[in-house]
Amino acid sequence: MRGLLCLLVLGAGLALAGSASAGEVTVTFPNGGPGMFSYMSANPMIKTGDKVTFTGPFASHPLVWDSGTPSGSTATGTSATFTHFTQPGTYAFHCAIHFGPPNNMVGSVTVVPDQHPASVSFSVSPSPRAGQPVTFTYTGSADPDGSLTSWQWDLDGDGSFETTTPAGTATNTYATPGTVTVRMRAVDDSGEASTTAAQAVTIAAAGSSGSGSPGSGTSGSRDTTAPRATLVKLAGLKLSFRSSEKASATATLRARGKTIAKGSAKAKSGAISLRLKLTRAGRSILKPGRKLKATLTLTLRDASGNRRALKKTLTVRRP
């Protein structure tokens, strides 16, 4: 049987034993003619969570996984991507036609655990006060088997990591005094997030003599009633509702474990509307004209620092 050109993409540049890749890996196995079919770099090493893409004429070189078959697309046509390498181990594969001598078109993917930093933490500087910038700095350990590429922050304490920075620092200014639980997690070069570090940060009133250090002091506010949202509606990516008092609002939409859209509005009386902006994940998951069930988290905060969060499941349609 005359072979056709066949490419198997599994991590070019990973020929060195013990080295791990990030994200997606590629390897080629050119068709050199009858009796010369073979995989080049046929034994790549990847981390858990990485993916492997096969590209080539599967009709001429049917792909067979010997054991530990990963989930992914069916190996038909000219391209197939396999993901969810969640367990360490060896995933052997071969060409159903050319696996024996003299071709020996066989190979395997070795999956090693993706290790995370031993500890994650961050510092707060200076002593936080309302109306003044506060800087948060990563103080945790390095990634043991790669590198940290980004940091995700929940600066407003609503449970959603709305801010991503390319370095281990983030800055935010809080308009009102109060206590906010700030959260942070580090993301490595495989796109895997670490455990979450959380810290209660107390924002002192502007001009106060309080230290404003994390976990200390009070908000200094006499108003203890949090604003309430009613008549919540979503039309496309426009969110509208009524607030029981003047309040600033932040909103996030989450689906399939990812934040797909977010938005905010400045303090306003009564009726409030805001436009949600799709995140990168949202643009990938929610295609134009399609509908998707998502969880809305709407947080209202008044001038005294009182806040209330509302969660609601609804259907979002991208215009």
C-alpha atoms as a PDB file:
ATOM      1  CA  MET A   1       0.000   0.000   0.000  1.00  0.00           C
ATOM      2  CA  ARG A   2       1.402   3.386  -1.015  1.00  0.00           C
ATOM      3  CA  GLY A   3       1.537   5.638   2.012  1.00  0.00           C
ATOM      4  CA  LEU A   4       0.545   9.265   2.008  1.00  0.00           C
ATOM      5  CA  LEU A   5       2.080  12.135   3.917  1.00  0.00           C
ATOM      6  CA  CYS A   6       1.255  11.719   7.635  1.00  0.00           C
ATOM      7  CA  LEU A   7       1.974  14.187  10.395  1.00  0.00           C
ATOM      8  CA  LEU A   8       1.584  13.470  14.066  1.00  0.00           C
ATOM      9  CA  VAL A   9       1.864  16.550  16.241  1.00  0.00           C
ATOM     10  CA  LEU A  10       3.179  15.739  19.711  1.00  0.00           C
ATOM     11  CA  GLY A  11       5.709  18.294  20.982  1.00  0.00           C
ATOM     12  CA  ALA A  12       8.586  19.294  18.730  1.00  0.00           C
ATOM     13  CA  GLY A  13      11.592  20.192  20.781  1.00  0.00           C
ATOM     14  CA  LEU A  14      10.794  17.734  23.581  1.00  0.00           C
ATOM     15  CA  ALA A  15      13.278  15.068  22.639  1.00  0.00           C
ATOM     16  CA  LEU A  16      15.301  15.569  25.817  1.00  0.00           C
ATOM     17  CA  ALA A  17      14.178  13.092  28.451  1.00  0.00           C
ATOM     18  CA  GLY A  18      12.779  14.642  31.564  1.00  0.00           C
ATOM     19  CA  SER A  19      11.804  17.967  30.008  1.00  0.00           C
ATOM     20  CA  ALA A  20       8.162  19.011  30.188  1.00  0.00           C
ATOM     21  CA  SER A  21       6.187  21.099  27.779  1.00  0.00           C
ATOM     22  CA  ALA A  22       3.337  23.536  28.230  1.00  0.00           C
ATOM     23  CA  GLY A  23      -0.064  23.724  26.609  1.00  0.00           C
ATOM     24  CA  GLU A  24      -0.021  21.905  23.283  1.00  0.00           C
ATOM     25  CA  VAL A  25       2.826  19.804  21.874  1.00  0.00           C
ATOM     26  CA  THR A  26       3.715  18.811  18.301  1.00  0.00           C
ATOM     27  CA  VAL A  27       5.793  16.111  16.500  1.00  0.00           C
ATOM     28  CA  THR A  28       5.928  15.211  12.794  1.00  0.00           C
ATOM     29  CA  PHE A  29       6.391  11.850  11.121  1.00  0.00           C
ATOM     30  CA  PRO A  30       6.959  12.484   7.388  1.00  0.00           C
ATOM     31  CA  ASN A  31       6.127   9.805   4.876  1.00  0.00           C
ATOM     32  CA  GLY A  32       9.453   8.872   3.317  1.00  0.00           C
ATOM     33  CA  GLY A  33       8.133   6.250   0.939  1.00  0.00           C
ATOM     34  CA  PRO A  34       7.320   2.535   1.186  1.00  0.00           C
ATOM     35  CA  GLY A  35       9.110   0.883   4.088  1.00  0.00           C
ATOM     36  CA  MET A  36      10.169   4.231   5.594  1.00  0.00           C
ATOM     37  CA  PHE A  37       7.208   5.209   7.726  1.00  0.00           C
ATOM     38  CA  SER A  38       8.298   6.265  11.186  1.00  0.00           C
ATOM     39  CA  TYR A  39       7.457   8.763  13.925  1.00  0.00           C
ATOM     40  CA  MET A  40       9.976  11.499  14.618  1.00  0.00           C
ATOM     41  CA  SER A  41      10.292  12.446  18.322  1.00  0.00           C
ATOM     42  CA  ALA A  42       7.851   9.684  19.032  1.00  0.00           C
ATOM     43  CA  ASN A  43       8.167   9.779  22.830  1.00  0.00           C
ATOM     44  CA  PRO A  44       7.417  13.298  24.061  1.00  0.00           C
ATOM     45  CA  MET A  45       6.983  14.185  27.705  1.00  0.00           C
ATOM     46  CA  ILE A  46       4.131  16.488  28.769  1.00  0.00           C
ATOM     47  CA  LYS A  47       2.473  17.687  31.961  1.00  0.00           C
ATOM     48  CA  THR A  48      -0.962  16.761  33.182  1.00  0.00           C
ATOM     49  CA  GLY A  49      -3.452  19.125  31.581  1.00  0.00           C
ATOM     50  CA  ASP A  50      -1.512  19.526  28.329  1.00  0.00           C
ATOM     51  CA  LYS A  51      -3.019  18.479  25.010  1.00  0.00           C
ATOM     52  CA  VAL A  52      -1.765  16.589  21.965  1.00  0.00           C
ATOM     53  CA  THR A  53      -2.789  17.264  18.374  1.00  0.00           C
ATOM     54  CA  PHE A  54      -2.453  14.695  15.580  1.00  0.00           C
ATOM     55  CA  THR A  55      -2.460  16.016  12.015  1.00  0.00           C
ATOM     56  CA  GLY A  56      -2.290  13.815   8.932  1.00  0.00           C
ATOM     57  CA  PRO A  57      -4.252  11.428   6.696  1.00  0.00           C
ATOM     58  CA  PHE A  58      -5.714   9.025   9.241  1.00  0.00           C
ATOM     59  CA  ALA A  59      -7.250   6.958   6.430  1.00  0.00           C
ATOM     60  CA  SER A  60      -3.732   5.917   5.381  1.00  0.00           C
ATOM     61  CA  HIS A  61      -2.291   5.806   8.907  1.00  0.00           C
ATOM     62  CA  PRO A  62      -5.072   4.890  11.364  1.00  0.00           C
ATOM     63  CA  LEU A  63      -4.214   5.925  14.899  1.00  0.00           C
ATOM     64  CA  VAL A  64      -4.603   3.363  17.672  1.00  0.00           C
ATOM     65  CA  TRP A  65      -4.122   4.000  21.400  1.00  0.00           C
ATOM     66  CA  ASP A  66      -2.819   0.847  23.084  1.00  0.00           C
ATOM     67  CA  SER A  67      -3.999   1.726  26.584  1.00  0.00           C
ATOM     68  CA  GLY A  68      -5.027   4.683  28.672  1.00  0.00           C
ATOM     69  CA  THR A  69      -6.864   6.314  25.804  1.00  0.00           C
ATOM     70  CA  PRO A  70      -7.222  10.080  26.445  1.00  0.00           C
ATOM     71  CA  SER A  71     -10.448  11.843  25.645  1.00  0.00           C
ATOM     72  CA  GLY A  72     -10.625  14.012  22.556  1.00  0.00           C
ATOM     73  CA  SER A  73     -11.763  14.160  18.983  1.00  0.00           C
ATOM     74  CA  THR A  74     -12.051  11.093  16.757  1.00  0.00           C
ATOM     75  CA  ALA A  75      -8.958  10.394  14.676  1.00  0.00           C
ATOM     76  CA  THR A  76     -10.570  10.831  11.266  1.00  0.00           C
ATOM     77  CA  GLY A  77      -9.903  13.224   8.437  1.00  0.00           C
ATOM     78  CA  THR A  78      -6.630  15.100   8.848  1.00  0.00           C
ATOM     79  CA  SER A  79      -6.621  16.493  12.403  1.00  0.00           C
ATOM     80  CA  ALA A  80      -7.530  15.357  15.908  1.00  0.00           C
ATOM     81  CA  THR A  81      -6.786  16.878  19.303  1.00  0.00           C
ATOM     82  CA  PHE A  82      -6.644  14.833  22.493  1.00  0.00           C
ATOM     83  CA  THR A  83      -6.976  16.494  25.883  1.00  0.00           C
ATOM     84  CA  HIS A  84      -7.607  15.684  29.518  1.00  0.00           C
ATOM     85  CA  PHE A  85      -4.305  13.972  30.225  1.00  0.00           C
ATOM     86  CA  THR A  86      -5.291  14.233  33.875  1.00  0.00           C
ATOM     87  CA  GLN A  87      -3.413  11.210  35.199  1.00  0.00           C
ATOM     88  CA  PRO A  88       0.367  10.663  35.098  1.00  0.00           C
ATOM     89  CA  GLY A  89       1.511   7.626  33.128  1.00  0.00           C
ATOM     90  CA  THR A  90       2.399   6.376  29.670  1.00  0.00           C
ATOM     91  CA  TYR A  91      -0.064   6.551  26.771  1.00  0.00           C
ATOM     92  CA  ALA A  92       1.179   4.257  23.967  1.00  0.00           C
ATOM     93  CA  PHE A  93      -0.018   4.589  20.371  1.00  0.00           C
ATOM     94  CA  HIS A  94       0.737   3.093  16.949  1.00  0.00           C
ATOM     95  CA  CYS A  95      -0.292   3.133  13.292  1.00  0.00           C
ATOM     96  CA  ALA A  96      -2.713   0.267  12.700  1.00  0.00           C
ATOM     97  CA  ILE A  97      -1.102  -0.509   9.303  1.00  0.00           C
ATOM     98  CA  HIS A  98       2.619   0.262   9.722  1.00  0.00           C
ATOM     99  CA  PHE A  99       3.322  -0.700  13.337  1.00  0.00           C
ATOM    100  CA  GLY A 100       5.485  -3.747  12.571  1.00  0.00           C
ATOM    101  CA  PRO A 101       8.903  -4.078  10.867  1.00  0.00           C
ATOM    102  CA  PRO A 102      10.351  -2.461   8.906  1.00  0.00           C
ATOM    103  CA  ASN A 103       8.324   0.688   9.736  1.00  0.00           C
ATOM    104  CA  ASN A 104       7.681   0.342  13.470  1.00  0.00           C
ATOM    105  CA  MET A 105       5.325   3.321  13.574  1.00  0.00           C
ATOM    106  CA  VAL A 106       4.878   3.294  17.318  1.00  0.00           C
ATOM    107  CA  GLY A 107       5.205   5.913  20.016  1.00  0.00           C
ATOM    108  CA  SER A 108       4.069   6.976  23.452  1.00  0.00           C
ATOM    109  CA  VAL A 109       3.216  10.094  25.416  1.00  0.00           C
ATOM    110  CA  THR A 110       4.674  10.252  28.918  1.00  0.00           C
ATOM    111  CA  VAL A 111       2.584  12.381  31.274  1.00  0.00           C
ATOM    112  CA  VAL A 112       4.205  13.728  34.444  1.00  0.00           C
ATOM    113  CA  PRO A 113       2.416  15.547  37.276  1.00  0.00           C
ATOM    114  CA  ASP A 114       2.151  19.310  36.904  1.00  0.00           C
ATOM    115  CA  GLN A 115       3.514  20.574  40.195  1.00  0.00           C
ATOM    116  CA  HIS A 116       2.357  23.839  41.738  1.00  0.00           C
ATOM    117  CA  PRO A 117       4.119  26.251  44.069  1.00  0.00           C
ATOM    118  CA  ALA A 118       4.567  24.859  47.577  1.00  0.00           C
ATOM    119  CA  SER A 119       2.965  27.989  48.994  1.00  0.00           C
ATOM    120  CA  VAL A 120       1.092  31.013  47.641  1.00  0.00           C
ATOM    121  CA  SER A 121       0.771  34.276  49.522  1.00  0.00           C
ATOM    122  CA  PHE A 122       0.781  38.036  48.977  1.00  0.00           C
ATOM    123  CA  SER A 123       1.570  41.199  50.899  1.00  0.00           C
ATOM    124  CA  VAL A 124      -0.409  44.445  51.168  1.00  0.00           C
ATOM    125  CA  SER A 125       1.209  47.882  51.029  1.00  0.00           C
ATOM    126  CA  PRO A 126       0.842  50.571  52.239  1.00  0.00           C
ATOM    127  CA  SER A 127      -1.680  50.589  55.122  1.00  0.00           C
ATOM    128  CA  PRO A 128      -4.914  50.752  53.080  1.00  0.00           C
ATOM    129  CA  ARG A 129      -7.054  53.897  53.237  1.00  0.00           C
ATOM    130  CA  ALA A 130     -10.104  54.872  51.234  1.00  0.00           C
ATOM    131  CA  GLY A 131      -9.256  56.794  48.079  1.00  0.00           C
ATOM    132  CA  GLN A 132      -5.583  55.762  48.067  1.00  0.00           C
ATOM    133  CA  PRO A 133      -3.942  53.107  45.851  1.00  0.00           C
ATOM    134  CA  VAL A 134      -3.185  49.774  47.506  1.00  0.00           C
ATOM    135  CA  THR A 135      -0.555  47.429  46.052  1.00  0.00           C
ATOM    136  CA  PHE A 136      -0.708  43.651  46.413  1.00  0.00           C
ATOM    137  CA  THR A 137       2.528  41.712  45.786  1.00  0.00           C
ATOM    138  CA  TYR A 138       3.006  37.958  45.340  1.00  0.00           C
ATOM    139  CA  THR A 139       5.283  36.534  48.051  1.00  0.00           C
ATOM    140  CA  GLY A 140       4.819  32.802  47.428  1.00  0.00           C
ATOM    141  CA  SER A 141       7.270  30.249  46.075  1.00  0.00           C
ATOM    142  CA  ALA A 142       8.271  29.666  42.453  1.00  0.00           C
ATOM    143  CA  ASP A 143       6.786  26.970  40.203  1.00  0.00           C
ATOM    144  CA  PRO A 144       8.856  23.794  40.776  1.00  0.00           C
ATOM    145  CA  ASP A 145       8.575  22.372  37.248  1.00  0.00           C
ATOM    146  CA  GLY A 146       8.175  25.410  35.012  1.00  0.00           C
ATOM    147  CA  SER A 147       7.409  29.076  35.448  1.00  0.00           C
ATOM    148  CA  LEU A 148       4.568  31.274  36.653  1.00  0.00           C
ATOM    149  CA  THR A 149       3.130  33.262  33.759  1.00  0.00           C
ATOM    150  CA  SER A 150       0.252  35.233  35.265  1.00  0.00           C
ATOM    151  CA  TRP A 151      -1.546  36.052  38.488  1.00  0.00           C
ATOM    152  CA  GLN A 152      -5.318  36.195  38.968  1.00  0.00           C
ATOM    153  CA  TRP A 153      -6.829  38.517  41.578  1.00  0.00           C
ATOM    154  CA  ASP A 154     -10.201  38.948  43.242  1.00  0.00           C
ATOM    155  CA  LEU A 155      -9.674  42.525  44.400  1.00  0.00           C
ATOM    156  CA  ASP A 156     -13.276  43.395  45.219  1.00  0.00           C
ATOM    157  CA  GLY A 157     -13.961  40.305  47.304  1.00  0.00           C
ATOM    158  CA  ASP A 158     -16.906  39.006  45.268  1.00  0.00           C
ATOM    159  CA  GLY A 159     -15.368  35.559  44.698  1.00  0.00           C
ATOM    160  CA  SER A 160     -14.600  36.146  41.000  1.00  0.00           C
ATOM    161  CA  PHE A 161     -11.016  36.545  39.787  1.00  0.00           C
ATOM    162  CA  GLU A 162     -11.729  39.563  37.598  1.00  0.00           C
ATOM    163  CA  THR A 163      -8.154  40.899  37.307  1.00  0.00           C
ATOM    164  CA  THR A 164      -5.201  39.143  35.626  1.00  0.00           C
ATOM    165  CA  THR A 165      -1.674  40.582  35.713  1.00  0.00           C
ATOM    166  CA  PRO A 166       1.485  39.408  33.878  1.00  0.00           C
ATOM    167  CA  ALA A 167       3.578  40.080  36.988  1.00  0.00           C
ATOM    168  CA  GLY A 168       2.978  39.249  40.618  1.00  0.00           C
ATOM    169  CA  THR A 169       1.597  42.651  41.571  1.00  0.00           C
ATOM    170  CA  ALA A 170      -1.803  44.316  41.351  1.00  0.00           C
ATOM    171  CA  THR A 171      -3.044  47.736  42.413  1.00  0.00           C
ATOM    172  CA  ASN A 172      -6.531  48.848  43.388  1.00  0.00           C
ATOM    173  CA  THR A 173      -8.139  51.929  44.938  1.00  0.00           C
ATOM    174  CA  TYR A 174     -11.087  51.464  47.310  1.00  0.00           C
ATOM    175  CA  ALA A 175     -13.559  54.322  47.359  1.00  0.00           C
ATOM    176  CA  THR A 176     -15.060  53.559  50.756  1.00  0.00           C
ATOM    177  CA  PRO A 177     -13.817  52.156  54.077  1.00  0.00           C
ATOM    178  CA  GLY A 178     -14.601  48.588  55.047  1.00  0.00           C
ATOM    179  CA  THR A 179     -13.134  45.077  55.018  1.00  0.00           C
ATOM    180  CA  VAL A 180     -12.579  43.213  51.759  1.00  0.00           C
ATOM    181  CA  THR A 181     -11.388  39.612  51.416  1.00  0.00           C
ATOM    182  CA  VAL A 182      -8.811  39.758  48.629  1.00  0.00           C
ATOM    183  CA  ARG A 183      -7.922  36.495  46.877  1.00  0.00           C
ATOM    184  CA  MET A 184      -5.056  35.567  44.563  1.00  0.00           C
ATOM    185  CA  ARG A 185      -3.874  32.506  42.632  1.00  0.00           C
ATOM    186  CA  ALA A 186      -0.835  31.942  40.397  1.00  0.00           C
ATOM    187  CA  VAL A 187      -1.036  30.366  36.916  1.00  0.00           C
ATOM    188  CA  ASP A 188       1.870  28.355  35.485  1.00  0.00           C
ATOM    189  CA  ASP A 189       3.076  27.840  31.921  1.00  0.00           C
ATOM    190  CA  SER A 190       0.655  24.925  31.479  1.00  0.00           C
ATOM    191  CA  GLY A 191      -2.310  27.164  32.230  1.00  0.00           C
ATOM    192  CA  GLU A 192      -2.907  25.465  35.588  1.00  0.00           C
ATOM    193  CA  ALA A 193      -3.891  27.614  38.573  1.00  0.00           C
ATOM    194  CA  SER A 194      -2.460  27.151  42.062  1.00  0.00           C
ATOM    195  CA  THR A 195      -4.391  27.002  45.281  1.00  0.00           C
ATOM    196  CA  THR A 196      -5.936  30.291  46.393  1.00  0.00           C
ATOM    197  CA  ALA A 197      -4.436  32.647  48.956  1.00  0.00           C
ATOM    198  CA  ALA A 198      -6.954  34.863  50.768  1.00  0.00           C
ATOM    199  CA  GLN A 199      -6.497  37.809  53.100  1.00  0.00           C
ATOM    200  CA  ALA A 200      -8.997  40.065  54.838  1.00  0.00           C
ATOM    201  CA  VAL A 201      -7.926  43.641  54.085  1.00  0.00           C
ATOM    202  CA  THR A 202      -9.409  46.461  56.145  1.00  0.00           C
ATOM    203  CA  ILE A 203      -9.694  49.820  54.374  1.00  0.00           C
ATOM    204  CA  ALA A 204      -9.533  52.686  56.866  1.00  0.00           C
ATOM    205  CA  ALA A 205     -11.442  55.917  56.351  1.00  0.00           C
ATOM    206  CA  ALA A 206      -9.491  58.632  54.542  1.00  0.00           C
ATOM    207  CA  GLY A 207      -7.518  60.736  57.011  1.00  0.00           C
ATOM    208  CA  SER A 208      -8.159  58.348  59.910  1.00  0.00           C
ATOM    209  CA  SER A 209      -5.440  57.453  62.396  1.00  0.00           C
ATOM    210  CA  GLY A 210      -6.230  53.733  62.199  1.00  0.00           C
ATOM    211  CA  SER A 211      -3.572  51.414  60.812  1.00  0.00           C
ATOM    212  CA  GLY A 212      -5.893  49.939  58.201  1.00  0.00           C
ATOM    213  CA  SER A 213      -3.802  46.780  58.285  1.00  0.00           C
ATOM    214  CA  PRO A 214      -5.296  43.473  57.181  1.00  0.00           C
ATOM    215  CA  GLY A 215      -7.754  42.099  59.710  1.00  0.00           C
ATOM    216  CA  SER A 216      -7.758  45.181  61.947  1.00  0.00           C
ATOM    217  CA  GLY A 217      -9.954  48.211  62.596  1.00  0.00           C
ATOM    218  CA  THR A 218     -13.566  48.868  61.644  1.00  0.00           C
ATOM    219  CA  SER A 219     -15.244  50.509  58.718  1.00  0.00           C
ATOM    220  CA  GLY A 220     -16.224  53.597  60.722  1.00  0.00           C
ATOM    221  CA  SER A 221     -19.632  53.569  59.059  1.00  0.00           C
ATOM    222  CA  ARG A 222     -22.898  54.177  60.937  1.00  0.00           C
ATOM    223  CA  ASP A 223     -24.984  52.761  58.064  1.00  0.00           C
ATOM    224  CA  THR A 224     -25.185  48.971  58.337  1.00  0.00           C
ATOM    225  CA  THR A 225     -27.877  48.247  55.738  1.00  0.00           C
ATOM    226  CA  ALA A 226     -26.625  46.736  52.500  1.00  0.00           C
ATOM    227  CA  PRO A 227     -28.270  47.698  49.187  1.00  0.00           C
ATOM    228  CA  ARG A 228     -30.614  45.197  47.535  1.00  0.00           C
ATOM    229  CA  ALA A 229     -31.094  44.491  43.808  1.00  0.00           C
ATOM    230  CA  THR A 230     -34.538  43.744  42.346  1.00  0.00           C
ATOM    231  CA  LEU A 231     -36.072  43.373  38.853  1.00  0.00           C
ATOM    232  CA  VAL A 232     -32.853  41.873  37.516  1.00  0.00           C
ATOM    233  CA  LYS A 233     -33.008  41.361  33.737  1.00  0.00           C
ATOM    234  CA  LEU A 234     -30.451  40.453  31.084  1.00  0.00           C
ATOM    235  CA  ALA A 235     -31.016  41.356  27.426  1.00  0.00           C
ATOM    236  CA  GLY A 236     -28.101  40.242  25.329  1.00  0.00           C
ATOM    237  CA  LEU A 237     -25.127  41.545  27.280  1.00  0.00           C
ATOM    238  CA  LYS A 238     -27.023  44.459  28.858  1.00  0.00           C
ATOM    239  CA  LEU A 239     -27.889  43.965  32.523  1.00  0.00           C
ATOM    240  CA  SER A 240     -30.586  46.104  34.155  1.00  0.00           C
ATOM    241  CA  PHE A 241     -31.977  46.188  37.711  1.00  0.00           C
ATOM    242  CA  ARG A 242     -33.134  48.472  40.479  1.00  0.00           C
ATOM    243  CA  SER A 243     -31.146  49.209  43.611  1.00  0.00           C
ATOM    244  CA  SER A 244     -32.741  49.936  46.978  1.00  0.00           C
ATOM    245  CA  GLU A 245     -30.268  52.809  47.450  1.00  0.00           C
ATOM    246  CA  LYS A 246     -27.413  54.545  45.716  1.00  0.00           C
ATOM    247  CA  ALA A 247     -24.820  51.915  45.014  1.00  0.00           C
ATOM    248  CA  SER A 248     -21.961  50.939  42.763  1.00  0.00           C
ATOM    249  CA  ALA A 249     -22.375  47.610  41.025  1.00  0.00           C
ATOM    250  CA  THR A 250     -20.103  44.882  39.695  1.00  0.00           C
ATOM    251  CA  ALA A 251     -21.405  41.883  37.772  1.00  0.00           C
ATOM    252  CA  THR A 252     -19.857  38.680  36.468  1.00  0.00           C
ATOM    253  CA  LEU A 253     -21.229  35.821  34.369  1.00  0.00           C
ATOM    254  CA  ARG A 254     -19.742  32.344  34.827  1.00  0.00           C
ATOM    255  CA  ALA A 255     -20.351  29.215  32.760  1.00  0.00           C
ATOM    256  CA  ARG A 256     -18.474  25.929  32.431  1.00  0.00           C
ATOM    257  CA  GLY A 257     -16.199  26.932  35.302  1.00  0.00           C
ATOM    258  CA  LYS A 258     -15.009  30.144  33.610  1.00  0.00           C
ATOM    259  CA  THR A 259     -15.805  33.848  33.850  1.00  0.00           C
ATOM    260  CA  ILE A 260     -17.341  34.653  30.461  1.00  0.00           C
ATOM    261  CA  ALA A 261     -18.367  38.293  30.961  1.00  0.00           C
ATOM    262  CA  LYS A 262     -18.066  41.085  33.491  1.00  0.00           C
ATOM    263  CA  GLY A 263     -18.990  44.727  33.929  1.00  0.00           C
ATOM    264  CA  SER A 264     -19.475  47.527  36.450  1.00  0.00           C
ATOM    265  CA  ALA A 265     -21.397  50.758  36.928  1.00  0.00           C
ATOM    266  CA  LYS A 266     -20.673  53.805  39.049  1.00  0.00           C
ATOM    267  CA  ALA A 267     -22.915  54.875  41.913  1.00  0.00           C
ATOM    268  CA  LYS A 268     -26.403  55.718  40.731  1.00  0.00           C
ATOM    269  CA  SER A 269     -29.838  56.110  42.273  1.00  0.00           C
ATOM    270  CA  GLY A 270     -32.735  53.722  41.513  1.00  0.00           C
ATOM    271  CA  ALA A 271     -32.514  52.097  38.096  1.00  0.00           C
ATOM    272  CA  ILE A 272     -29.062  50.885  37.061  1.00  0.00           C
ATOM    273  CA  SER A 273     -27.941  49.378  33.781  1.00  0.00           C
ATOM    274  CA  LEU A 274     -24.518  48.182  32.768  1.00  0.00           C
ATOM    275  CA  ARG A 275     -22.946  46.579  29.733  1.00  0.00           C
ATOM    276  CA  LEU A 276     -21.206  43.252  30.269  1.00  0.00           C
ATOM    277  CA  LYS A 277     -18.000  42.734  28.327  1.00  0.00           C
ATOM    278  CA  LEU A 278     -17.044  39.252  27.166  1.00  0.00           C
ATOM    279  CA  THR A 279     -13.761  37.848  28.402  1.00  0.00           C
ATOM    280  CA  ARG A 280     -11.458  35.823  26.167  1.00  0.00           C
ATOM    281  CA  ALA A 281     -13.029  32.646  27.533  1.00  0.00           C
ATOM    282  CA  GLY A 282     -16.481  34.113  26.918  1.00  0.00           C
ATOM    283  CA  ARG A 283     -15.733  34.877  23.281  1.00  0.00           C
ATOM    284  CA  SER A 284     -14.597  31.292  22.824  1.00  0.00           C
ATOM    285  CA  ILE A 285     -17.524  29.636  24.634  1.00  0.00           C
ATOM    286  CA  LEU A 286     -20.384  31.930  23.612  1.00  0.00           C
ATOM    287  CA  LYS A 287     -20.539  32.329  19.858  1.00  0.00           C
ATOM    288  CA  PRO A 288     -22.610  35.107  18.194  1.00  0.00           C
ATOM    289  CA  GLY A 289     -26.307  34.282  18.190  1.00  0.00           C
ATOM    290  CA  ARG A 290     -25.901  31.331  20.550  1.00  0.00           C
ATOM    291  CA  LYS A 291     -27.528  30.913  23.977  1.00  0.00           C
ATOM    292  CA  LEU A 292     -25.896  29.631  27.142  1.00  0.00           C
ATOM    293  CA  LYS A 293     -27.004  29.122  30.745  1.00  0.00           C
ATOM    294  CA  ALA A 294     -24.777  31.063  33.117  1.00  0.00           C
ATOM    295  CA  THR A 295     -24.599  32.109  36.759  1.00  0.00           C
ATOM    296  CA  LEU A 296     -24.819  35.841  37.383  1.00  0.00           C
ATOM    297  CA  THR A 297     -23.136  37.296  40.468  1.00  0.00           C
ATOM    298  CA  LEU A 298     -24.273  40.873  41.080  1.00  0.00           C
ATOM    299  CA  THR A 299     -22.645  42.773  43.937  1.00  0.00           C
ATOM    300  CA  LEU A 300     -23.892  46.139  45.196  1.00  0.00           C
ATOM    301  CA  ARG A 301     -21.840  48.376  47.463  1.00  0.00           C
ATOM    302  CA  ASP A 302     -23.068  51.623  49.027  1.00  0.00           C
ATOM    303  CA  ALA A 303     -21.108  54.697  50.119  1.00  0.00           C
ATOM    304  CA  SER A 304     -20.718  53.279  53.634  1.00  0.00           C
ATOM    305  CA  GLY A 305     -19.055  50.123  52.402  1.00  0.00           C
ATOM    306  CA  ASN A 306     -22.060  47.856  52.944  1.00  0.00           C
ATOM    307  CA  ARG A 307     -22.306  45.224  50.247  1.00  0.00           C
ATOM    308  CA  ARG A 308     -24.720  42.515  49.182  1.00  0.00           C
ATOM    309  CA  ALA A 309     -24.219  39.849  46.520  1.00  0.00           C
ATOM    310  CA  LEU A 310     -26.986  38.236  44.486  1.00  0.00           C
ATOM    311  CA  LYS A 311     -26.567  35.028  42.503  1.00  0.00           C
ATOM    312  CA  LYS A 312     -28.977  34.013  39.764  1.00  0.00           C
ATOM    313  CA  THR A 313     -28.976  31.428  36.982  1.00  0.00           C
ATOM    314  CA  LEU A 314     -30.146  32.820  33.657  1.00  0.00           C
ATOM    315  CA  THR A 315     -29.759  32.403  29.911  1.00  0.00           C
ATOM    316  CA  VAL A 316     -27.400  34.718  28.077  1.00  0.00           C
ATOM    317  CA  ARG A 317     -27.473  35.256  24.311  1.00  0.00           C
ATOM    318  CA  ARG A 318     -24.594  36.891  22.505  1.00  0.00           C
ATOM    319  CA  PRO A 319     -25.836  39.501  19.995  1.00  0.00           C
END
